[in-house]
Amino acid sequence: MSETTGIGALPPHLVEEAVRRALAEDLGLAGDLTSLAVVPKGAIATATLSAREPGIVAGLALAAEAFRQVGGISFDPQVADGDRLARGDVVAVVSGDAHALLAGERTALNFLNHLCGIATLTGRFVEAVAGTGARICDTRKTLPGLRAFEKYAVRCGGGWNHRYALSDAILIKDNHVAVAGGAGKAYRAARAAAGHLVAIEIEVTSLEELAEVLEAGAQIVMLDNMDNDLLSAAVAMNKGRARLEASGGVTLERVRGIAETGVDYISSSQITMGAKPLDLGLDVEIR
């Protein structure tokens, strides 16, 4: 588990590369044919980027980079990542060459809509478990190429990051256990192979498997697809020896009950894969 407490910042090289790819995909070889045809050359535009529904901000650096790369545009944010928005709040004021502004508009909004949606849904999960001590975590179920940004959005919403990639930590899941010949055997093999800085987590699906891995010395255990009664029993059996993570079947409606069983972490792919884009709009005035 990542134990960062701050939102941090997105690596600039990742932002630049992702935006460059997105603009190339949208502008192609000929550029913005619509604006070239109907917007007078040299026209100046001012646009207000605002929230059409409440939410949490994430991804301003990507929007700013989109307008920077198209050139001739000033992007003036009025909020910061992690801030809460009410309907109608101004997110940023954008101004400059009208052709450039319109060329960068969709790329900027695509990133913002998506990442603000993730931050907003994460925030709802975090609010749902407030006061329990459980932390809401993401998973590796992210859109290819966008993982760093989606996990950043989770932090903006008050959530915590699980591992970023297969190379971050050892996470022994049911298929690994099956191939290794048992949960305890799999955990001991991992502990023998791992370097001293590599975290090891193992997934169990029953109290019998939990007892086996606790005896093997497991310090982080994922309780997979257990109902609340079984989770409570697992917490009681654990007696504080290992940190426990509940995963599988986690919904916004159920998450409070899961947290009240006493687990330390609750991981869910819903906060990245199930988030609805936040409705943000860019209203342009051409001068």
Protein backbone atom coordinates (compact mmCIF):
# COMPACT_ATOMS: atom_id res chain seq x y z
CA MET A 1 0.00 0.00 0.00
CA SER A 2 1.12 3.51 -0.74
CA GLU A 3 1.08 5.52 2.46
CA THR A 4 1.11 8.96 0.90
CA THR A 5 -1.14 11.49 2.62
CA GLY A 6 -0.97 14.29 0.05
CA ILE A 7 -2.27 14.61 -3.47
CA GLY A 8 1.20 15.31 -4.84
CA ALA A 9 1.73 16.37 -8.43
CA LEU A 10 1.51 14.63 -11.77
CA PRO A 11 4.91 14.04 -13.41
CA PRO A 12 5.23 16.73 -16.13
CA HIS A 13 6.70 14.33 -18.70
CA LEU A 14 3.68 12.03 -18.39
CA VAL A 15 1.30 14.97 -18.75
CA GLU A 16 3.13 16.30 -21.81
CA GLU A 17 3.24 12.90 -23.52
CA ALA A 18 -0.43 12.04 -22.86
CA VAL A 19 -1.64 15.41 -24.11
CA ARG A 20 0.53 15.23 -27.20
CA ARG A 21 -0.96 11.85 -28.10
CA ALA A 22 -4.50 13.09 -27.48
CA LEU A 23 -4.07 16.21 -29.61
CA ALA A 24 -2.49 14.21 -32.43
CA GLU A 25 -5.45 11.83 -32.35
CA ASP A 26 -7.97 14.70 -32.50
CA LEU A 27 -6.28 17.10 -34.92
CA GLY A 28 -4.90 14.49 -37.32
CA LEU A 29 -3.06 15.75 -40.40
CA ALA A 30 -5.40 18.59 -41.36
CA GLY A 31 -6.21 20.28 -38.05
CA ASP A 32 -9.59 21.63 -36.93
CA LEU A 33 -11.46 21.88 -40.25
CA THR A 34 -14.55 23.43 -38.65
CA SER A 35 -12.76 26.33 -37.00
CA LEU A 36 -10.56 26.90 -40.05
CA ALA A 37 -13.71 27.19 -42.14
CA VAL A 38 -15.95 29.34 -39.94
CA VAL A 39 -13.81 31.27 -37.41
CA PRO A 40 -12.08 34.40 -38.76
CA LYS A 41 -8.31 34.31 -38.70
CA GLY A 42 -6.93 36.34 -35.80
CA ALA A 43 -10.14 36.13 -33.76
CA ILE A 44 -9.64 36.27 -30.00
CA ALA A 45 -11.80 34.25 -27.64
CA THR A 46 -12.41 34.12 -23.91
CA ALA A 47 -13.97 31.01 -22.42
CA THR A 48 -15.24 30.16 -18.96
CA LEU A 49 -14.77 26.58 -17.82
CA SER A 50 -17.41 25.85 -15.20
CA ALA A 51 -19.09 23.03 -13.30
CA ARG A 52 -22.57 22.00 -14.38
CA GLU A 53 -22.91 19.72 -11.35
CA PRO A 54 -21.20 19.38 -7.95
CA GLY A 55 -17.95 17.44 -7.83
CA ILE A 56 -14.25 17.34 -6.99
CA VAL A 57 -11.50 18.78 -9.19
CA ALA A 58 -8.77 16.60 -10.71
CA GLY A 59 -6.59 16.97 -13.79
CA LEU A 60 -6.03 20.71 -14.16
CA ALA A 61 -2.43 20.14 -15.28
CA LEU A 62 -3.63 18.11 -18.27
CA ALA A 63 -6.12 20.78 -19.31
CA ALA A 64 -3.50 23.50 -18.97
CA GLU A 65 -1.04 21.44 -21.01
CA ALA A 66 -3.60 20.91 -23.78
CA PHE A 67 -3.97 24.66 -24.23
CA ARG A 68 -0.23 25.22 -23.88
CA GLN A 69 0.53 22.79 -26.67
CA VAL A 70 -1.96 24.29 -29.12
CA GLY A 71 -0.25 27.65 -28.46
CA GLY A 72 -1.33 31.24 -27.87
CA ILE A 73 -3.67 30.44 -24.98
CA SER A 74 -3.79 31.65 -21.38
CA PHE A 75 -5.21 29.13 -18.89
CA ASP A 76 -6.07 30.74 -15.54
CA PRO A 77 -7.35 28.19 -12.98
CA GLN A 78 -9.72 29.47 -10.32
CA VAL A 79 -9.57 26.31 -8.20
CA ALA A 80 -7.03 23.60 -7.35
CA ASP A 81 -7.07 19.83 -7.71
CA GLY A 82 -8.88 18.33 -4.73
CA ASP A 83 -11.21 21.33 -4.34
CA ARG A 84 -14.94 20.73 -4.15
CA LEU A 85 -17.17 22.33 -6.76
CA ALA A 86 -20.75 23.51 -6.51
CA ARG A 87 -22.93 23.76 -9.60
CA GLY A 88 -21.92 26.89 -11.51
CA ASP A 89 -18.48 27.31 -9.95
CA VAL A 90 -15.82 28.60 -12.33
CA VAL A 91 -12.95 26.15 -12.76
CA ALA A 92 -10.77 28.24 -15.09
CA VAL A 93 -10.79 31.16 -17.48
CA VAL A 94 -9.23 30.47 -20.87
CA SER A 95 -8.37 33.14 -23.42
CA GLY A 96 -6.36 33.73 -26.57
CA ASP A 97 -6.36 32.79 -30.23
CA ALA A 98 -9.83 31.41 -31.04
CA HIS A 99 -8.56 28.73 -33.44
CA ALA A 100 -6.14 27.39 -30.85
CA LEU A 101 -8.66 27.55 -28.03
CA LEU A 102 -11.23 25.55 -30.00
CA ALA A 103 -8.57 23.06 -31.10
CA GLY A 104 -7.60 22.30 -27.50
CA GLU A 105 -11.08 22.41 -25.99
CA ARG A 106 -12.10 18.77 -26.38
CA THR A 107 -8.77 17.30 -25.27
CA ALA A 108 -8.78 19.49 -22.16
CA LEU A 109 -12.38 18.61 -21.33
CA ASN A 110 -11.94 14.88 -21.98
CA PHE A 111 -9.19 14.68 -19.39
CA LEU A 112 -11.01 16.90 -16.89
CA ASN A 113 -14.44 15.28 -17.24
CA HIS A 114 -12.97 11.81 -16.73
CA LEU A 115 -10.61 12.59 -13.86
CA CYS A 116 -13.05 14.85 -12.00
CA GLY A 117 -15.58 12.03 -12.25
CA ILE A 118 -13.16 9.60 -10.61
CA ALA A 119 -12.28 12.09 -7.87
CA THR A 120 -15.96 12.78 -7.24
CA LEU A 121 -16.97 9.13 -6.94
CA THR A 122 -13.94 8.40 -4.74
CA GLY A 123 -15.03 11.25 -2.50
CA ARG A 124 -18.45 9.65 -2.09
CA PHE A 125 -16.87 6.36 -1.03
CA VAL A 126 -14.57 8.17 1.41
CA GLU A 127 -17.50 10.08 2.92
CA ALA A 128 -19.46 6.84 3.26
CA VAL A 129 -16.82 5.27 5.54
CA ALA A 130 -15.97 8.41 7.52
CA GLY A 131 -15.25 7.69 11.18
CA THR A 132 -14.59 3.97 10.74
CA GLY A 133 -10.83 4.10 10.25
CA ALA A 134 -11.02 2.20 6.95
CA ARG A 135 -9.26 3.62 3.92
CA ILE A 136 -10.67 3.53 0.40
CA CYS A 137 -8.15 2.25 -2.16
CA ASP A 138 -8.09 1.85 -5.92
CA THR A 139 -6.92 -1.17 -7.95
CA ARG A 140 -4.99 -1.85 -11.17
CA LYS A 141 -8.28 -1.83 -13.09
CA THR A 142 -7.65 1.36 -15.02
CA LEU A 143 -7.80 2.43 -18.65
CA PRO A 144 -4.56 1.55 -20.49
CA GLY A 145 -2.25 4.56 -20.66
CA LEU A 146 -4.18 6.55 -18.05
CA ARG A 147 -3.29 4.72 -14.83
CA ALA A 148 -1.08 7.44 -13.34
CA PHE A 149 -3.77 10.05 -13.96
CA GLU A 150 -6.65 7.92 -12.69
CA LYS A 151 -4.78 7.02 -9.52
CA TYR A 152 -3.95 10.70 -9.07
CA ALA A 153 -7.67 11.48 -9.34
CA VAL A 154 -8.34 8.92 -6.59
CA ARG A 155 -5.98 10.86 -4.31
CA CYS A 156 -7.75 14.10 -5.24
CA GLY A 157 -10.97 12.48 -4.01
CA GLY A 158 -9.43 11.50 -0.67
CA GLY A 159 -8.69 7.87 -1.54
CA TRP A 160 -5.45 5.94 -1.31
CA ASN A 161 -3.44 4.18 -3.98
CA HIS A 162 -2.91 0.43 -4.06
CA ARG A 163 0.08 -0.79 -6.09
CA TYR A 164 0.61 0.89 -9.47
CA ALA A 165 1.88 -2.11 -11.39
CA LEU A 166 2.91 -5.75 -11.18
CA SER A 167 6.45 -4.57 -10.44
CA ASP A 168 5.51 -2.52 -7.34
CA ALA A 169 4.80 -5.27 -4.86
CA ILE A 170 3.91 -8.94 -4.55
CA LEU A 171 0.17 -9.62 -4.50
CA ILE A 172 -0.57 -13.35 -4.35
CA LYS A 173 -4.06 -13.98 -5.74
CA ASP A 174 -6.19 -17.11 -6.03
CA ASN A 175 -4.61 -18.25 -9.30
CA HIS A 176 -1.13 -17.93 -7.81
CA VAL A 177 -2.26 -19.94 -4.78
CA ALA A 178 -3.73 -22.64 -7.00
CA VAL A 179 -0.54 -23.00 -9.02
CA ALA A 180 1.71 -22.86 -5.93
CA GLY A 181 -0.21 -25.57 -4.15
CA GLY A 182 -1.74 -23.66 -1.26
CA ALA A 183 -1.92 -20.26 0.43
CA GLY A 184 0.68 -20.89 3.09
CA LYS A 185 3.09 -22.43 0.62
CA ALA A 186 2.63 -19.50 -1.77
CA TYR A 187 3.27 -16.96 0.97
CA ARG A 188 6.43 -18.68 2.19
CA ALA A 189 7.77 -18.85 -1.37
CA ALA A 190 7.12 -15.14 -1.86
CA ARG A 191 8.78 -14.22 1.41
CA ALA A 192 11.85 -16.26 0.48
CA ALA A 193 12.12 -14.54 -2.91
CA ALA A 194 11.28 -10.93 -2.04
CA GLY A 195 13.79 -8.24 -1.28
CA HIS A 196 13.59 -6.51 2.08
CA LEU A 197 11.78 -3.48 0.61
CA VAL A 198 9.15 -5.46 -1.31
CA ALA A 199 5.69 -5.61 0.28
CA ILE A 200 3.83 -8.94 0.16
CA GLU A 201 0.04 -9.25 0.25
CA ILE A 202 -1.90 -12.49 -0.12
CA GLU A 203 -5.54 -13.03 -1.04
CA VAL A 204 -7.69 -15.50 0.90
CA THR A 205 -11.28 -16.59 0.40
CA SER A 206 -11.97 -18.45 3.67
CA LEU A 207 -11.16 -18.40 7.36
CA GLU A 208 -9.15 -21.59 6.89
CA GLU A 209 -6.89 -19.88 4.36
CA LEU A 210 -6.63 -16.84 6.65
CA ALA A 211 -5.44 -19.02 9.54
CA GLU A 212 -2.92 -20.69 7.23
CA VAL A 213 -1.35 -17.44 5.99
CA LEU A 214 -1.34 -15.82 9.44
CA GLU A 215 0.62 -18.79 10.70
CA ALA A 216 3.02 -18.33 7.77
CA GLY A 217 3.64 -14.76 8.94
CA ALA A 218 1.49 -12.76 6.53
CA GLN A 219 1.39 -9.07 7.37
CA ILE A 220 -1.10 -7.87 4.73
CA VAL A 221 -4.07 -10.05 3.76
CA MET A 222 -6.77 -9.43 1.17
CA LEU A 223 -10.16 -10.85 2.15
CA ASP A 224 -11.76 -11.59 -1.20
CA ASN A 225 -15.51 -11.54 -1.82
CA MET A 226 -16.47 -12.16 1.80
CA ASP A 227 -19.84 -11.11 3.21
CA ASN A 228 -19.90 -8.83 6.23
CA ASP A 229 -20.34 -11.66 8.75
CA LEU A 230 -17.30 -13.45 7.36
CA LEU A 231 -15.30 -10.21 7.32
CA SER A 232 -16.15 -9.63 11.00
CA ALA A 233 -15.07 -13.17 11.82
CA ALA A 234 -11.81 -12.63 9.94
CA VAL A 235 -11.10 -9.44 11.88
CA ALA A 236 -11.74 -11.28 15.15
CA MET A 237 -9.47 -14.17 14.12
CA ASN A 238 -6.72 -11.81 13.03
CA LYS A 239 -6.48 -10.09 16.44
CA GLY A 240 -4.52 -7.22 14.91
CA ARG A 241 -1.68 -9.37 13.62
CA ALA A 242 -1.98 -8.41 9.94
CA ARG A 243 -3.49 -5.48 8.10
CA LEU A 244 -6.70 -6.60 6.43
CA GLU A 245 -8.08 -5.45 3.10
CA ALA A 246 -11.62 -6.20 1.93
CA SER A 247 -12.06 -6.52 -1.82
CA GLY A 248 -14.66 -7.79 -4.25
CA GLY A 249 -18.31 -6.79 -4.52
CA VAL A 250 -17.65 -3.35 -3.04
CA THR A 251 -20.41 -0.86 -3.88
CA LEU A 252 -21.26 2.57 -2.55
CA GLU A 253 -24.36 1.11 -0.91
CA ARG A 254 -22.41 -1.64 0.84
CA VAL A 255 -19.13 0.06 1.67
CA ARG A 256 -20.18 1.47 5.07
CA GLY A 257 -21.12 -1.97 6.33
CA ILE A 258 -17.80 -3.38 5.11
CA ALA A 259 -15.90 -0.64 6.92
CA GLU A 260 -17.78 -1.27 10.15
CA THR A 261 -16.44 -4.86 10.27
CA GLY A 262 -13.07 -3.41 11.28
CA VAL A 263 -10.98 -3.99 8.15
CA ASP A 264 -8.13 -1.57 7.52
CA TYR A 265 -8.53 -1.08 3.77
CA ILE A 266 -11.32 -1.43 1.23
CA SER A 267 -10.27 -1.66 -2.41
CA SER A 268 -12.67 -1.22 -5.29
CA SER A 269 -12.38 -0.99 -9.06
CA GLN A 270 -15.65 0.95 -9.04
CA ILE A 271 -13.94 4.24 -8.25
CA THR A 272 -11.92 4.12 -11.48
CA MET A 273 -13.90 1.87 -13.83
CA GLY A 274 -17.40 2.87 -12.72
CA ALA A 275 -17.05 6.63 -12.39
CA LYS A 276 -19.36 8.80 -14.49
CA PRO A 277 -17.61 11.79 -16.11
CA LEU A 278 -18.27 15.04 -14.27
CA ASP A 279 -20.25 17.50 -16.38
CA LEU A 280 -18.02 20.50 -17.02
CA GLY A 281 -18.64 23.02 -19.78
CA LEU A 282 -16.52 25.51 -21.70
CA ASP A 283 -18.56 28.50 -22.86
CA VAL A 284 -16.77 30.65 -25.45
CA GLU A 285 -17.25 34.30 -26.36
CA ILE A 286 -15.61 35.29 -29.65
CA ARG A 287 -14.35 38.84 -30.02
